[in-house]
Every structure is written in C-alpha cells, then in structure tokens.
Amino acid sequence: MDAKYILYLLKSCIFCRKAVDILELNNISYHAVYFDDNATLLDQIKHAYSWNTVPIVFENLDNYKYNLVGGYTELQLKLESEKADDKE
C-alpha cells in the first residue's frame, strides 16, 4: 500500500472532512475508508483502539505496520511538527 495514512471516516463528520482536506492540501497520500453503512464494525474498531471518535487516523510505517495517530487534531499536530522538523 502506497498511502502514507489510512483514515476511518463518516461522511457526515466535519472533522473527517478536515482530515482529508489537510492531507490533500499538503499533497500527502491517504486511503479513506468510510463506515457510514457499517456502524457496528466502526464501533468494534473504536473499542479495539480505545478511540471513541472519528476520524481514526493511522500512519503507514511500513508494509502492514501501522501507528495510531489519533483524530483530526492529532493529525494536524503531527503534520505541523513534521513541517517544523523539515525547516531545521
């Protein structure tokens, strides 16, 4: 998988849209998985990762190795931190 991030989303979620927007604005690859038609599975994922809100953002570290970033706010902070590191 070539995507840098995997996002679990709901179409009606404003923070889900913001997560997609910030990745697109920064030309960062991602794969979006929408759970609008499968709330039960989304609830199971939320429980498994102890994350109660959407979006749920994972960073693709390597083939089949993923790191839970968190939600939109955590994604935004991570991207800002990476930009600051690049400037140093």
PDB file of N, CA and C in Angstrom:
ATOM      1  N   MET A   1       0.849  -1.191   0.000  1.00  0.00           N
ATOM      2  CA  MET A   1       0.000   0.000   0.000  1.00  0.00           C
ATOM      3  C   MET A   1       0.882   1.238   0.000  1.00  0.00           C
ATOM      4  N   ASP A   2       0.635   2.151  -0.884  1.00  0.00           N
ATOM      5  CA  ASP A   2       1.455   3.340  -1.023  1.00  0.00           C
ATOM      6  C   ASP A   2       0.979   4.510  -0.184  1.00  0.00           C
ATOM      7  N   ALA A   3      -0.216   4.419   0.377  1.00  0.00           N
ATOM      8  CA  ALA A   3      -0.778   5.539   1.126  1.00  0.00           C
ATOM      9  C   ALA A   3      -0.014   5.752   2.430  1.00  0.00           C
ATOM     10  N   LYS A   4       0.300   7.012   2.709  1.00  0.00           N
ATOM     11  CA  LYS A   4       1.009   7.366   3.943  1.00  0.00           C
ATOM     12  C   LYS A   4       0.082   7.246   5.155  1.00  0.00           C
ATOM     13  N   TYR A   5      -1.197   7.537   4.949  1.00  0.00           N
ATOM     14  CA  TYR A   5      -2.164   7.474   6.041  1.00  0.00           C
ATOM     15  C   TYR A   5      -3.392   6.678   5.619  1.00  0.00           C
ATOM     16  N   ILE A   6      -4.021   6.047   6.608  1.00  0.00           N
ATOM     17  CA  ILE A   6      -5.313   5.395   6.423  1.00  0.00           C
ATOM     18  C   ILE A   6      -6.274   6.081   7.381  1.00  0.00           C
ATOM     19  N   LEU A   7      -7.411   6.496   6.857  1.00  0.00           N
ATOM     20  CA  LEU A   7      -8.395   7.205   7.666  1.00  0.00           C
ATOM     21  C   LEU A   7      -9.694   6.418   7.694  1.00  0.00           C
ATOM     22  N   TYR A   8     -10.220   6.219   8.892  1.00  0.00           N
ATOM     23  CA  TYR A   8     -11.550   5.638   9.068  1.00  0.00           C
ATOM     24  C   TYR A   8     -12.489   6.809   9.319  1.00  0.00           C
ATOM     25  N   LEU A   9     -13.523   6.906   8.491  1.00  0.00           N
ATOM     26  CA  LEU A   9     -14.329   8.127   8.423  1.00  0.00           C
ATOM     27  C   LEU A   9     -15.828   7.864   8.378  1.00  0.00           C
ATOM     28  N   LEU A  10     -16.573   8.929   8.633  1.00  0.00           N
ATOM     29  CA  LEU A  10     -18.006   9.010   8.356  1.00  0.00           C
ATOM     30  C   LEU A  10     -18.222  10.212   7.448  1.00  0.00           C
ATOM     31  N   LYS A  11     -19.061  10.073   6.461  1.00  0.00           N
ATOM     32  CA  LYS A  11     -19.280  11.159   5.501  1.00  0.00           C
ATOM     33  C   LYS A  11     -19.883  12.397   6.146  1.00  0.00           C
ATOM     34  N   SER A  12     -20.644  12.229   7.216  1.00  0.00           N
ATOM     35  CA  SER A  12     -21.316  13.357   7.865  1.00  0.00           C
ATOM     36  C   SER A  12     -20.438  14.078   8.888  1.00  0.00           C
ATOM     37  N   CYS A  13     -19.219  13.618   9.075  1.00  0.00           N
ATOM     38  CA  CYS A  13     -18.327  14.148  10.119  1.00  0.00           C
ATOM     39  C   CYS A  13     -17.477  15.283   9.584  1.00  0.00           C
ATOM     40  N   ILE A  14     -17.598  16.468  10.186  1.00  0.00           N
ATOM     41  CA  ILE A  14     -16.839  17.633   9.722  1.00  0.00           C
ATOM     42  C   ILE A  14     -15.336  17.451   9.963  1.00  0.00           C
ATOM     43  N   PHE A  15     -14.953  16.808  11.069  1.00  0.00           N
ATOM     44  CA  PHE A  15     -13.532  16.608  11.334  1.00  0.00           C
ATOM     45  C   PHE A  15     -12.936  15.558  10.401  1.00  0.00           C
ATOM     46  N   CYS A  16     -13.764  14.643   9.926  1.00  0.00           N
ATOM     47  CA  CYS A  16     -13.314  13.688   8.908  1.00  0.00           C
ATOM     48  C   CYS A  16     -12.972  14.443   7.628  1.00  0.00           C
ATOM     49  N   ARG A  17     -13.845  15.353   7.248  1.00  0.00           N
ATOM     50  CA  ARG A  17     -13.598  16.157   6.043  1.00  0.00           C
ATOM     51  C   ARG A  17     -12.328  17.012   6.207  1.00  0.00           C
ATOM     52  N   LYS A  18     -12.151  17.569   7.410  1.00  0.00           N
ATOM     53  CA  LYS A  18     -10.966  18.383   7.668  1.00  0.00           C
ATOM     54  C   LYS A  18      -9.692  17.546   7.576  1.00  0.00           C
ATOM     55  N   ALA A  19      -9.738  16.306   8.042  1.00  0.00           N
ATOM     56  CA  ALA A  19      -8.562  15.430   7.956  1.00  0.00           C
ATOM     57  C   ALA A  19      -8.203  15.162   6.505  1.00  0.00           C
ATOM     58  N   VAL A  20      -9.203  14.881   5.688  1.00  0.00           N
ATOM     59  CA  VAL A  20      -8.965  14.671   4.253  1.00  0.00           C
ATOM     60  C   VAL A  20      -8.407  15.950   3.631  1.00  0.00           C
ATOM     61  N   ASP A  21      -8.998  17.080   3.968  1.00  0.00           N
ATOM     62  CA  ASP A  21      -8.570  18.362   3.400  1.00  0.00           C
ATOM     63  C   ASP A  21      -7.113  18.679   3.729  1.00  0.00           C
ATOM     64  N   ILE A  22      -6.705  18.458   4.981  1.00  0.00           N
ATOM     65  CA  ILE A  22      -5.333  18.807   5.376  1.00  0.00           C
ATOM     66  C   ILE A  22      -4.323  17.906   4.665  1.00  0.00           C
ATOM     67  N   LEU A  23      -4.681  16.646   4.450  1.00  0.00           N
ATOM     68  CA  LEU A  23      -3.779  15.754   3.716  1.00  0.00           C
ATOM     69  C   LEU A  23      -3.692  16.162   2.252  1.00  0.00           C
ATOM     70  N   GLU A  24      -4.839  16.478   1.653  1.00  0.00           N
ATOM     71  CA  GLU A  24      -4.830  16.899   0.251  1.00  0.00           C
ATOM     72  C   GLU A  24      -4.084  18.221   0.076  1.00  0.00           C
ATOM     73  N   LEU A  25      -4.268  19.146   0.996  1.00  0.00           N
ATOM     74  CA  LEU A  25      -3.589  20.436   0.942  1.00  0.00           C
ATOM     75  C   LEU A  25      -2.067  20.269   0.972  1.00  0.00           C
ATOM     76  N   ASN A  26      -1.608  19.261   1.701  1.00  0.00           N
ATOM     77  CA  ASN A  26      -0.176  19.010   1.836  1.00  0.00           C
ATOM     78  C   ASN A  26       0.339  17.942   0.872  1.00  0.00           C
ATOM     79  N   ASN A  27      -0.512  17.546  -0.078  1.00  0.00           N
ATOM     80  CA  ASN A  27      -0.128  16.534  -1.078  1.00  0.00           C
ATOM     81  C   ASN A  27       0.397  15.258  -0.446  1.00  0.00           C
ATOM     82  N   ILE A  28      -0.296  14.794   0.594  1.00  0.00           N
ATOM     83  CA  ILE A  28       0.078  13.571   1.296  1.00  0.00           C
ATOM     84  C   ILE A  28      -0.918  12.483   0.912  1.00  0.00           C
ATOM     85  N   SER A  29      -0.399  11.332   0.544  1.00  0.00           N
ATOM     86  CA  SER A  29      -1.266  10.240   0.105  1.00  0.00           C
ATOM     87  C   SER A  29      -2.011   9.624   1.290  1.00  0.00           C
ATOM     88  N   TYR A  30      -3.228   9.191   1.012  1.00  0.00           N
ATOM     89  CA  TYR A  30      -4.052   8.575   2.051  1.00  0.00           C
ATOM     90  C   TYR A  30      -5.051   7.627   1.404  1.00  0.00           C
ATOM     91  N   HIS A  31      -5.584   6.758   2.225  1.00  0.00           N
ATOM     92  CA  HIS A  31      -6.665   5.879   1.805  1.00  0.00           C
ATOM     93  C   HIS A  31      -7.813   6.102   2.783  1.00  0.00           C
ATOM     94  N   ALA A  32      -8.966   6.468   2.281  1.00  0.00           N
ATOM     95  CA  ALA A  32     -10.135   6.744   3.116  1.00  0.00           C
ATOM     96  C   ALA A  32     -11.062   5.535   3.122  1.00  0.00           C
ATOM     97  N   VAL A  33     -11.467   5.131   4.331  1.00  0.00           N
ATOM     98  CA  VAL A  33     -12.414   4.030   4.496  1.00  0.00           C
ATOM     99  C   VAL A  33     -13.627   4.599   5.225  1.00  0.00           C
ATOM    100  N   TYR A  34     -14.761   4.579   4.543  1.00  0.00           N
ATOM    101  CA  TYR A  34     -15.990   5.131   5.121  1.00  0.00           C
ATOM    102  C   TYR A  34     -16.824   4.020   5.747  1.00  0.00           C
ATOM    103  N   PHE A  35     -17.333   4.291   6.947  1.00  0.00           N
ATOM    104  CA  PHE A  35     -18.098   3.306   7.700  1.00  0.00           C
ATOM    105  C   PHE A  35     -19.561   3.702   7.868  1.00  0.00           C
ATOM    106  N   ASP A  36     -20.069   4.548   6.996  1.00  0.00           N
ATOM    107  CA  ASP A  36     -21.456   5.004   7.114  1.00  0.00           C
ATOM    108  C   ASP A  36     -22.449   3.842   7.064  1.00  0.00           C
ATOM    109  N   ASP A  37     -22.125   2.812   6.318  1.00  0.00           N
ATOM    110  CA  ASP A  37     -23.038   1.678   6.166  1.00  0.00           C
ATOM    111  C   ASP A  37     -22.688   0.520   7.090  1.00  0.00           C
ATOM    112  N   ASN A  38     -21.734   0.720   7.993  1.00  0.00           N
ATOM    113  CA  ASN A  38     -21.351  -0.362   8.884  1.00  0.00           C
ATOM    114  C   ASN A  38     -20.952   0.190  10.257  1.00  0.00           C
ATOM    115  N   ALA A  39     -21.939   0.727  10.959  1.00  0.00           N
ATOM    116  CA  ALA A  39     -21.703   1.339  12.262  1.00  0.00           C
ATOM    117  C   ALA A  39     -21.212   0.319  13.284  1.00  0.00           C
ATOM    118  N   THR A  40     -21.665  -0.913  13.176  1.00  0.00           N
ATOM    119  CA  THR A  40     -21.251  -1.953  14.115  1.00  0.00           C
ATOM    120  C   THR A  40     -19.749  -2.209  14.014  1.00  0.00           C
ATOM    121  N   LEU A  41     -19.254  -2.332  12.804  1.00  0.00           N
ATOM    122  CA  LEU A  41     -17.814  -2.543  12.614  1.00  0.00           C
ATOM    123  C   LEU A  41     -17.026  -1.342  13.112  1.00  0.00           C
ATOM    124  N   LEU A  42     -17.495  -0.142  12.831  1.00  0.00           N
ATOM    125  CA  LEU A  42     -16.815   1.063  13.313  1.00  0.00           C
ATOM    126  C   LEU A  42     -16.761   1.068  14.837  1.00  0.00           C
ATOM    127  N   ASP A  43     -17.849   0.700  15.487  1.00  0.00           N
ATOM    128  CA  ASP A  43     -17.863   0.637  16.954  1.00  0.00           C
ATOM    129  C   ASP A  43     -16.852  -0.377  17.472  1.00  0.00           C
ATOM    130  N   GLN A  44     -16.698  -1.491  16.782  1.00  0.00           N
ATOM    131  CA  GLN A  44     -15.719  -2.502  17.184  1.00  0.00           C
ATOM    132  C   GLN A  44     -14.296  -1.975  17.030  1.00  0.00           C
ATOM    133  N   ILE A  45     -14.048  -1.250  15.963  1.00  0.00           N
ATOM    134  CA  ILE A  45     -12.726  -0.659  15.749  1.00  0.00           C
ATOM    135  C   ILE A  45     -12.439   0.388  16.813  1.00  0.00           C
ATOM    136  N   LYS A  46     -13.421   1.220  17.103  1.00  0.00           N
ATOM    137  CA  LYS A  46     -13.252   2.231  18.156  1.00  0.00           C
ATOM    138  C   LYS A  46     -12.888   1.556  19.479  1.00  0.00           C
ATOM    139  N   HIS A  47     -13.582   0.496  19.788  1.00  0.00           N
ATOM    140  CA  HIS A  47     -13.330  -0.231  21.034  1.00  0.00           C
ATOM    141  C   HIS A  47     -11.936  -0.860  21.017  1.00  0.00           C
ATOM    142  N   ALA A  48     -11.561  -1.486  19.921  1.00  0.00           N
ATOM    143  CA  ALA A  48     -10.266  -2.169  19.818  1.00  0.00           C
ATOM    144  C   ALA A  48      -9.102  -1.209  19.999  1.00  0.00           C
ATOM    145  N   TYR A  49      -9.251   0.029  19.520  1.00  0.00           N
ATOM    146  CA  TYR A  49      -8.164   1.004  19.599  1.00  0.00           C
ATOM    147  C   TYR A  49      -8.373   2.040  20.709  1.00  0.00           C
ATOM    148  N   SER A  50      -9.413   1.842  21.505  1.00  0.00           N
ATOM    149  CA  SER A  50      -9.731   2.785  22.593  1.00  0.00           C
ATOM    150  C   SER A  50      -9.787   4.218  22.076  1.00  0.00           C
ATOM    151  N   TRP A  51     -10.430   4.374  20.919  1.00  0.00           N
ATOM    152  CA  TRP A  51     -10.595   5.696  20.305  1.00  0.00           C
ATOM    153  C   TRP A  51     -12.072   5.877  20.019  1.00  0.00           C
ATOM    154  N   ASN A  52     -12.691   6.881  20.640  1.00  0.00           N
ATOM    155  CA  ASN A  52     -14.152   6.992  20.621  1.00  0.00           C
ATOM    156  C   ASN A  52     -14.729   7.887  19.542  1.00  0.00           C
ATOM    157  N   THR A  53     -13.882   8.554  18.787  1.00  0.00           N
ATOM    158  CA  THR A  53     -14.395   9.499  17.801  1.00  0.00           C
ATOM    159  C   THR A  53     -13.842   9.186  16.421  1.00  0.00           C
ATOM    160  N   VAL A  54     -14.426   9.810  15.416  1.00  0.00           N
ATOM    161  CA  VAL A  54     -13.878   9.751  14.063  1.00  0.00           C
ATOM    162  C   VAL A  54     -13.462  11.169  13.694  1.00  0.00           C
ATOM    163  N   PRO A  55     -12.474  11.293  12.856  1.00  0.00           N
ATOM    164  CA  PRO A  55     -11.780  10.236  12.147  1.00  0.00           C
ATOM    165  C   PRO A  55     -10.850   9.451  13.071  1.00  0.00           C
ATOM    166  N   ILE A  56     -10.516   8.243  12.636  1.00  0.00           N
ATOM    167  CA  ILE A  56      -9.452   7.467  13.265  1.00  0.00           C
ATOM    168  C   ILE A  56      -8.348   7.403  12.216  1.00  0.00           C
ATOM    169  N   VAL A  57      -7.199   7.953  12.560  1.00  0.00           N
ATOM    170  CA  VAL A  57      -6.110   8.115  11.600  1.00  0.00           C
ATOM    171  C   VAL A  57      -4.946   7.199  11.971  1.00  0.00           C
ATOM    172  N   PHE A  58      -4.500   6.433  10.987  1.00  0.00           N
ATOM    173  CA  PHE A  58      -3.330   5.572  11.146  1.00  0.00           C
ATOM    174  C   PHE A  58      -2.256   6.013  10.167  1.00  0.00           C
ATOM    175  N   GLU A  59      -1.013   5.971  10.623  1.00  0.00           N
ATOM    176  CA  GLU A  59       0.123   6.224   9.742  1.00  0.00           C
ATOM    177  C   GLU A  59       0.681   4.887   9.290  1.00  0.00           C
ATOM    178  N   ASN A  60       0.924   4.763   8.001  1.00  0.00           N
ATOM    179  CA  ASN A  60       1.524   3.559   7.429  1.00  0.00           C
ATOM    180  C   ASN A  60       3.034   3.676   7.612  1.00  0.00           C
ATOM    181  N   LEU A  61       3.574   2.909   8.542  1.00  0.00           N
ATOM    182  CA  LEU A  61       5.005   2.959   8.826  1.00  0.00           C
ATOM    183  C   LEU A  61       5.799   2.130   7.836  1.00  0.00           C
ATOM    184  N   ASP A  62       5.239   1.015   7.464  1.00  0.00           N
ATOM    185  CA  ASP A  62       5.896   0.064   6.580  1.00  0.00           C
ATOM    186  C   ASP A  62       4.810  -0.916   6.149  1.00  0.00           C
ATOM    187  N   ASN A  63       5.139  -1.822   5.283  1.00  0.00           N
ATOM    188  CA  ASN A  63       4.136  -2.792   4.847  1.00  0.00           C
ATOM    189  C   ASN A  63       3.505  -3.491   6.046  1.00  0.00           C
ATOM    190  N   TYR A  64       2.229  -3.266   6.222  1.00  0.00           N
ATOM    191  CA  TYR A  64       1.414  -3.908   7.253  1.00  0.00           C
ATOM    192  C   TYR A  64       1.789  -3.523   8.676  1.00  0.00           C
ATOM    193  N   LYS A  65       2.473  -2.408   8.862  1.00  0.00           N
ATOM    194  CA  LYS A  65       2.760  -1.869  10.187  1.00  0.00           C
ATOM    195  C   LYS A  65       2.167  -0.476  10.245  1.00  0.00           C
ATOM    196  N   TYR A  66       1.269  -0.282  11.205  1.00  0.00           N
ATOM    197  CA  TYR A  66       0.548   0.980  11.300  1.00  0.00           C
ATOM    198  C   TYR A  66       0.643   1.544  12.706  1.00  0.00           C
ATOM    199  N   ASN A  67       0.632   2.864  12.790  1.00  0.00           N
ATOM    200  CA  ASN A  67       0.652   3.563  14.058  1.00  0.00           C
ATOM    201  C   ASN A  67      -0.616   4.398  14.176  1.00  0.00           C
ATOM    202  N   LEU A  68      -1.319   4.241  15.281  1.00  0.00           N
ATOM    203  CA  LEU A  68      -2.498   5.072  15.521  1.00  0.00           C
ATOM    204  C   LEU A  68      -2.031   6.491  15.820  1.00  0.00           C
ATOM    205  N   VAL A  69      -2.404   7.416  14.940  1.00  0.00           N
ATOM    206  CA  VAL A  69      -2.085   8.830  15.144  1.00  0.00           C
ATOM    207  C   VAL A  69      -3.103   9.429  16.095  1.00  0.00           C
ATOM    208  N   GLY A  70      -4.377   9.124  15.872  1.00  0.00           N
ATOM    209  CA  GLY A  70      -5.466   9.667  16.682  1.00  0.00           C
ATOM    210  C   GLY A  70      -6.557  10.195  15.773  1.00  0.00           C
ATOM    211  N   GLY A  71      -7.027  11.383  16.069  1.00  0.00           N
ATOM    212  CA  GLY A  71      -8.066  12.018  15.274  1.00  0.00           C
ATOM    213  C   GLY A  71      -7.513  13.187  14.481  1.00  0.00           C
ATOM    214  N   TYR A  72      -8.409  14.075  14.103  1.00  0.00           N
ATOM    215  CA  TYR A  72      -8.012  15.229  13.290  1.00  0.00           C
ATOM    216  C   TYR A  72      -6.973  16.100  14.000  1.00  0.00           C
ATOM    217  N   THR A  73      -7.221  16.411  15.269  1.00  0.00           N
ATOM    218  CA  THR A  73      -6.319  17.305  15.995  1.00  0.00           C
ATOM    219  C   THR A  73      -4.921  16.717  16.079  1.00  0.00           C
ATOM    220  N   GLU A  74      -4.824  15.424  16.363  1.00  0.00           N
ATOM    221  CA  GLU A  74      -3.522  14.773  16.462  1.00  0.00           C
ATOM    222  C   GLU A  74      -2.825  14.728  15.104  1.00  0.00           C
ATOM    223  N   LEU A  75      -3.597  14.512  14.045  1.00  0.00           N
ATOM    224  CA  LEU A  75      -3.034  14.537  12.697  1.00  0.00           C
ATOM    225  C   LEU A  75      -2.482  15.925  12.383  1.00  0.00           C
ATOM    226  N   GLN A  76      -3.243  16.935  12.691  1.00  0.00           N
ATOM    227  CA  GLN A  76      -2.816  18.313  12.441  1.00  0.00           C
ATOM    228  C   GLN A  76      -1.522  18.627  13.201  1.00  0.00           C
ATOM    229  N   LEU A  77      -1.455  18.244  14.461  1.00  0.00           N
ATOM    230  CA  LEU A  77      -0.257  18.492  15.261  1.00  0.00           C
ATOM    231  C   LEU A  77       0.949  17.725  14.714  1.00  0.00           C
ATOM    232  N   LYS A  78       0.736  16.501  14.281  1.00  0.00           N
ATOM    233  CA  LYS A  78       1.819  15.689  13.714  1.00  0.00           C
ATOM    234  C   LYS A  78       2.367  16.342  12.450  1.00  0.00           C
ATOM    235  N   LEU A  79       1.476  16.783  11.572  1.00  0.00           N
ATOM    236  CA  LEU A  79       1.917  17.416  10.322  1.00  0.00           C
ATOM    237  C   LEU A  79       2.650  18.724  10.593  1.00  0.00           C
ATOM    238  N   GLU A  80       2.167  19.506  11.555  1.00  0.00           N
ATOM    239  CA  GLU A  80       2.840  20.757  11.914  1.00  0.00           C
ATOM    240  C   GLU A  80       4.226  20.474  12.480  1.00  0.00           C
ATOM    241  N   SER A  81       4.335  19.446  13.303  1.00  0.00           N
ATOM    242  CA  SER A  81       5.615  19.070  13.887  1.00  0.00           C
ATOM    243  C   SER A  81       6.599  18.616  12.807  1.00  0.00           C
ATOM    244  N   GLU A  82       6.108  17.838  11.851  1.00  0.00           N
ATOM    245  CA  GLU A  82       6.971  17.381  10.755  1.00  0.00           C
ATOM    246  C   GLU A  82       7.445  18.547   9.896  1.00  0.00           C
ATOM    247  N   LYS A  83       6.557  19.527   9.670  1.00  0.00           N
ATOM    248  CA  LYS A  83       6.959  20.714   8.902  1.00  0.00           C
ATOM    249  C   LYS A  83       8.046  21.492   9.638  1.00  0.00           C
ATOM    250  N   ALA A  84       7.882  21.624  10.960  1.00  0.00           N
ATOM    251  CA  ALA A  84       8.882  22.342  11.760  1.00  0.00           C
ATOM    252  C   ALA A  84      10.219  21.606  11.715  1.00  0.00           C
ATOM    253  N   ASP A  85      10.182  20.288  11.791  1.00  0.00           N
ATOM    254  CA  ASP A  85      11.418  19.497  11.716  1.00  0.00           C
ATOM    255  C   ASP A  85      12.106  19.661  10.382  1.00  0.00           C
ATOM    256  N   ASP A  86      11.316  19.763   9.309  1.00  0.00           N
ATOM    257  CA  ASP A  86      11.881  19.924   7.970  1.00  0.00           C
ATOM    258  C   ASP A  86      12.581  21.269   7.814  1.00  0.00           C
ATOM    259  N   LYS A  87      12.138  22.279   8.552  1.00  0.00           N
ATOM    260  CA  LYS A  87      12.719  23.621   8.441  1.00  0.00           C
ATOM    261  C   LYS A  87      14.048  23.735   9.178  1.00  0.00           C
ATOM    262  N   GLU A  88      14.295  22.803  10.112  1.00  0.00           N
ATOM    263  CA  GLU A  88      15.529  22.879  10.909  1.00  0.00           C
ATOM    264  C   GLU A  88      16.724  22.407  10.136  1.00  0.00           C
TER     265      GLU A  88
END
